Amino acid sequence: MELYEEIILNVLRSQKTIIDVSFPGLTLTSKEIAESASYGALLQIQHILKDESLNDQECFYKIEEIVRVFERLGSGCGSRHDFG
């Protein structure tokens, strides 16, 4: 549930708000937002992992790219990701 909440919060933070805390430009439900963002993230991760042109030393960068996908969703990757 934490990733779901992070995705929703990230999208809501980028929306214009008014005093009654509404999101006038937001037409999607929270479920639709999470599903869309999740599918897009999975496609990005799949693309990164399918790149056979990298050697073993470059695989570190594949992991870094995956971490960045999560960060773009507004999800932290914990304290172990302290090298980027």
N, C-alpha and C. Protein backbone atom coordinates (compact mmCIF):
# COMPACT_ATOMS: atom_id res chain seq x y z
N MET A 1 0.82 -1.19 0.00
CA MET A 1 0.00 0.00 0.00
C MET A 1 0.86 1.26 0.00
N GLU A 2 2.07 1.18 0.52
CA GLU A 2 2.91 2.36 0.60
C GLU A 2 3.22 2.94 -0.78
N LEU A 3 3.58 2.11 -1.76
CA LEU A 3 3.88 2.60 -3.11
C LEU A 3 2.65 3.26 -3.71
N TYR A 4 1.49 2.66 -3.52
CA TYR A 4 0.23 3.23 -4.01
C TYR A 4 0.05 4.65 -3.45
N GLU A 5 0.24 4.80 -2.15
CA GLU A 5 0.09 6.12 -1.51
C GLU A 5 1.11 7.11 -2.03
N GLU A 6 2.35 6.67 -2.23
CA GLU A 6 3.40 7.55 -2.74
C GLU A 6 3.06 8.05 -4.13
N ILE A 7 2.53 7.16 -4.97
CA ILE A 7 2.16 7.54 -6.34
C ILE A 7 1.05 8.60 -6.30
N ILE A 8 0.02 8.35 -5.49
CA ILE A 8 -1.11 9.28 -5.39
C ILE A 8 -0.63 10.63 -4.87
N LEU A 9 0.16 10.63 -3.79
CA LEU A 9 0.65 11.89 -3.22
C LEU A 9 1.49 12.66 -4.22
N ASN A 10 2.33 11.97 -4.98
CA ASN A 10 3.17 12.63 -5.97
C ASN A 10 2.33 13.34 -7.03
N VAL A 11 1.29 12.68 -7.52
CA VAL A 11 0.42 13.28 -8.53
C VAL A 11 -0.35 14.46 -7.93
N LEU A 12 -0.88 14.28 -6.73
CA LEU A 12 -1.67 15.34 -6.10
C LEU A 12 -0.83 16.57 -5.80
N ARG A 13 0.43 16.38 -5.43
CA ARG A 13 1.31 17.53 -5.16
C ARG A 13 1.52 18.38 -6.40
N SER A 14 1.43 17.78 -7.56
CA SER A 14 1.69 18.53 -8.79
C SER A 14 0.43 19.21 -9.35
N GLN A 15 -0.70 19.03 -8.69
CA GLN A 15 -1.95 19.60 -9.16
C GLN A 15 -2.20 20.97 -8.53
N LYS A 16 -2.88 21.82 -9.25
CA LYS A 16 -3.28 23.11 -8.73
C LYS A 16 -4.39 22.89 -7.69
N THR A 17 -4.24 23.50 -6.53
CA THR A 17 -5.24 23.31 -5.48
C THR A 17 -5.91 24.64 -5.14
N ILE A 18 -7.12 24.55 -4.64
CA ILE A 18 -7.83 25.72 -4.12
C ILE A 18 -8.14 25.46 -2.67
N ILE A 19 -8.63 26.45 -1.98
CA ILE A 19 -8.78 26.38 -0.53
C ILE A 19 -9.63 25.21 -0.05
N ASP A 20 -10.58 24.74 -0.82
CA ASP A 20 -11.39 23.61 -0.38
C ASP A 20 -10.74 22.27 -0.73
N VAL A 21 -9.48 22.30 -1.05
CA VAL A 21 -8.66 21.13 -1.34
C VAL A 21 -9.30 20.25 -2.40
N SER A 22 -9.50 20.83 -3.53
CA SER A 22 -9.96 20.06 -4.68
C SER A 22 -8.87 20.11 -5.74
N PHE A 23 -8.98 19.25 -6.69
CA PHE A 23 -8.01 19.16 -7.78
C PHE A 23 -8.77 19.31 -9.09
N PRO A 24 -8.99 20.57 -9.51
CA PRO A 24 -9.87 20.83 -10.66
C PRO A 24 -9.43 20.17 -11.97
N GLY A 25 -8.16 20.03 -12.18
CA GLY A 25 -7.69 19.43 -13.43
C GLY A 25 -7.56 17.93 -13.37
N LEU A 26 -7.83 17.34 -12.24
CA LEU A 26 -7.66 15.91 -12.06
C LEU A 26 -8.95 15.19 -12.41
N THR A 27 -8.91 14.41 -13.47
CA THR A 27 -10.12 13.71 -13.91
C THR A 27 -10.04 12.21 -13.65
N LEU A 28 -8.89 11.73 -13.23
CA LEU A 28 -8.72 10.30 -12.99
C LEU A 28 -8.99 9.96 -11.53
N THR A 29 -9.42 8.74 -11.30
CA THR A 29 -9.56 8.26 -9.92
C THR A 29 -8.17 7.89 -9.39
N SER A 30 -8.08 7.73 -8.09
CA SER A 30 -6.79 7.35 -7.51
C SER A 30 -6.34 5.98 -8.04
N LYS A 31 -7.28 5.09 -8.26
CA LYS A 31 -6.94 3.76 -8.81
C LYS A 31 -6.39 3.90 -10.24
N GLU A 32 -7.02 4.73 -11.05
CA GLU A 32 -6.56 4.93 -12.43
C GLU A 32 -5.17 5.56 -12.45
N ILE A 33 -4.92 6.50 -11.55
CA ILE A 33 -3.60 7.14 -11.48
C ILE A 33 -2.55 6.09 -11.13
N ALA A 34 -2.81 5.30 -10.11
CA ALA A 34 -1.84 4.29 -9.67
C ALA A 34 -1.60 3.24 -10.76
N GLU A 35 -2.67 2.79 -11.41
CA GLU A 35 -2.52 1.77 -12.45
C GLU A 35 -1.74 2.31 -13.64
N SER A 36 -2.04 3.52 -14.05
CA SER A 36 -1.33 4.14 -15.17
C SER A 36 0.14 4.34 -14.86
N ALA A 37 0.42 4.89 -13.70
CA ALA A 37 1.81 5.13 -13.30
C ALA A 37 2.56 3.82 -13.13
N SER A 38 1.91 2.82 -12.57
CA SER A 38 2.55 1.52 -12.35
C SER A 38 2.88 0.85 -13.68
N TYR A 39 1.95 0.87 -14.61
CA TYR A 39 2.19 0.25 -15.91
C TYR A 39 3.32 0.97 -16.64
N GLY A 40 3.30 2.30 -16.59
CA GLY A 40 4.37 3.07 -17.23
C GLY A 40 5.73 2.75 -16.61
N ALA A 41 5.77 2.63 -15.29
CA ALA A 41 7.01 2.30 -14.61
C ALA A 41 7.50 0.91 -15.00
N LEU A 42 6.57 -0.05 -15.08
CA LEU A 42 6.96 -1.40 -15.48
C LEU A 42 7.52 -1.43 -16.91
N LEU A 43 6.93 -0.67 -17.79
CA LEU A 43 7.45 -0.59 -19.16
C LEU A 43 8.86 -0.02 -19.18
N GLN A 44 9.10 1.03 -18.38
CA GLN A 44 10.44 1.62 -18.30
C GLN A 44 11.45 0.62 -17.74
N ILE A 45 11.07 -0.09 -16.69
CA ILE A 45 11.96 -1.07 -16.06
C ILE A 45 12.26 -2.20 -17.05
N GLN A 46 11.23 -2.67 -17.76
CA GLN A 46 11.43 -3.72 -18.75
C GLN A 46 12.41 -3.27 -19.83
N HIS A 47 12.25 -2.06 -20.30
CA HIS A 47 13.14 -1.53 -21.33
C HIS A 47 14.59 -1.47 -20.82
N ILE A 48 14.76 -1.02 -19.59
CA ILE A 48 16.11 -0.95 -18.99
C ILE A 48 16.73 -2.34 -18.91
N LEU A 49 15.97 -3.31 -18.42
CA LEU A 49 16.50 -4.66 -18.22
C LEU A 49 16.74 -5.42 -19.52
N LYS A 50 16.02 -5.07 -20.56
CA LYS A 50 16.20 -5.76 -21.84
C LYS A 50 17.40 -5.27 -22.63
N ASP A 51 18.04 -4.21 -22.18
CA ASP A 51 19.17 -3.65 -22.90
C ASP A 51 20.37 -4.59 -22.79
N GLU A 52 20.60 -5.37 -23.82
CA GLU A 52 21.69 -6.36 -23.83
C GLU A 52 23.01 -5.75 -24.25
N SER A 53 23.03 -4.49 -24.58
CA SER A 53 24.26 -3.87 -25.08
C SER A 53 25.24 -3.51 -23.96
N LEU A 54 24.81 -3.59 -22.71
CA LEU A 54 25.68 -3.22 -21.60
C LEU A 54 26.48 -4.41 -21.08
N ASN A 55 27.71 -4.13 -20.68
CA ASN A 55 28.52 -5.20 -20.07
C ASN A 55 28.20 -5.27 -18.58
N ASP A 56 28.81 -6.24 -17.89
CA ASP A 56 28.51 -6.45 -16.47
C ASP A 56 28.80 -5.22 -15.62
N GLN A 57 29.86 -4.49 -15.93
CA GLN A 57 30.18 -3.30 -15.15
C GLN A 57 29.10 -2.23 -15.30
N GLU A 58 28.45 -2.21 -16.43
CA GLU A 58 27.41 -1.22 -16.67
C GLU A 58 26.06 -1.61 -16.05
N CYS A 59 25.94 -2.83 -15.56
CA CYS A 59 24.68 -3.27 -14.96
C CYS A 59 24.31 -2.43 -13.75
N PHE A 60 25.31 -1.92 -13.05
CA PHE A 60 25.03 -1.03 -11.93
C PHE A 60 24.13 0.11 -12.38
N TYR A 61 24.40 0.62 -13.57
CA TYR A 61 23.62 1.74 -14.09
C TYR A 61 22.19 1.34 -14.43
N LYS A 62 21.98 0.07 -14.77
CA LYS A 62 20.61 -0.42 -14.97
C LYS A 62 19.83 -0.29 -13.67
N ILE A 63 20.45 -0.71 -12.59
CA ILE A 63 19.78 -0.62 -11.28
C ILE A 63 19.52 0.84 -10.94
N GLU A 64 20.48 1.70 -11.20
CA GLU A 64 20.32 3.12 -10.93
C GLU A 64 19.15 3.69 -11.73
N GLU A 65 18.99 3.28 -12.97
CA GLU A 65 17.87 3.75 -13.78
C GLU A 65 16.53 3.30 -13.20
N ILE A 66 16.49 2.07 -12.69
CA ILE A 66 15.26 1.55 -12.08
C ILE A 66 14.93 2.36 -10.83
N VAL A 67 15.93 2.67 -10.03
CA VAL A 67 15.72 3.50 -8.84
C VAL A 67 15.15 4.85 -9.25
N ARG A 68 15.65 5.42 -10.31
CA ARG A 68 15.17 6.72 -10.80
C ARG A 68 13.70 6.64 -11.23
N VAL A 69 13.29 5.50 -11.80
CA VAL A 69 11.88 5.32 -12.16
C VAL A 69 11.01 5.45 -10.92
N PHE A 70 11.42 4.79 -9.84
CA PHE A 70 10.66 4.89 -8.60
C PHE A 70 10.68 6.31 -8.05
N GLU A 71 11.80 6.98 -8.15
CA GLU A 71 11.89 8.35 -7.65
C GLU A 71 10.98 9.29 -8.44
N ARG A 72 10.87 9.07 -9.75
CA ARG A 72 9.96 9.90 -10.55
C ARG A 72 8.50 9.69 -10.15
N LEU A 73 8.20 8.51 -9.60
CA LEU A 73 6.85 8.23 -9.11
C LEU A 73 6.61 8.84 -7.74
N GLY A 74 7.68 9.37 -7.14
CA GLY A 74 7.56 9.94 -5.81
C GLY A 74 7.85 8.93 -4.72
N SER A 75 8.40 7.78 -5.09
CA SER A 75 8.69 6.72 -4.12
C SER A 75 10.17 6.70 -3.81
N GLY A 76 10.50 6.79 -2.54
CA GLY A 76 11.90 6.65 -2.14
C GLY A 76 12.32 5.20 -2.22
N CYS A 77 13.59 4.98 -2.30
CA CYS A 77 14.09 3.62 -2.36
C CYS A 77 14.82 3.24 -1.09
N GLY A 78 14.57 3.96 -0.03
CA GLY A 78 15.16 3.63 1.26
C GLY A 78 16.58 4.14 1.40
N SER A 79 17.14 3.87 2.55
CA SER A 79 18.46 4.39 2.87
C SER A 79 19.57 3.66 2.12
N ARG A 80 19.30 2.51 1.55
CA ARG A 80 20.36 1.78 0.84
C ARG A 80 20.71 2.44 -0.48
N HIS A 81 19.85 3.31 -0.97
CA HIS A 81 20.16 4.03 -2.21
C HIS A 81 20.74 5.39 -1.84
N ASP A 82 22.02 5.35 -1.52
CA ASP A 82 22.70 6.57 -1.07
C ASP A 82 23.95 6.79 -1.89
N PHE A 83 23.89 6.38 -3.17
CA PHE A 83 25.10 6.43 -3.99
C PHE A 83 24.86 7.15 -5.31
N GLY A 84 23.73 7.79 -5.48
CA GLY A 84 23.43 8.44 -6.75
C GLY A 84 23.55 9.88 -6.66
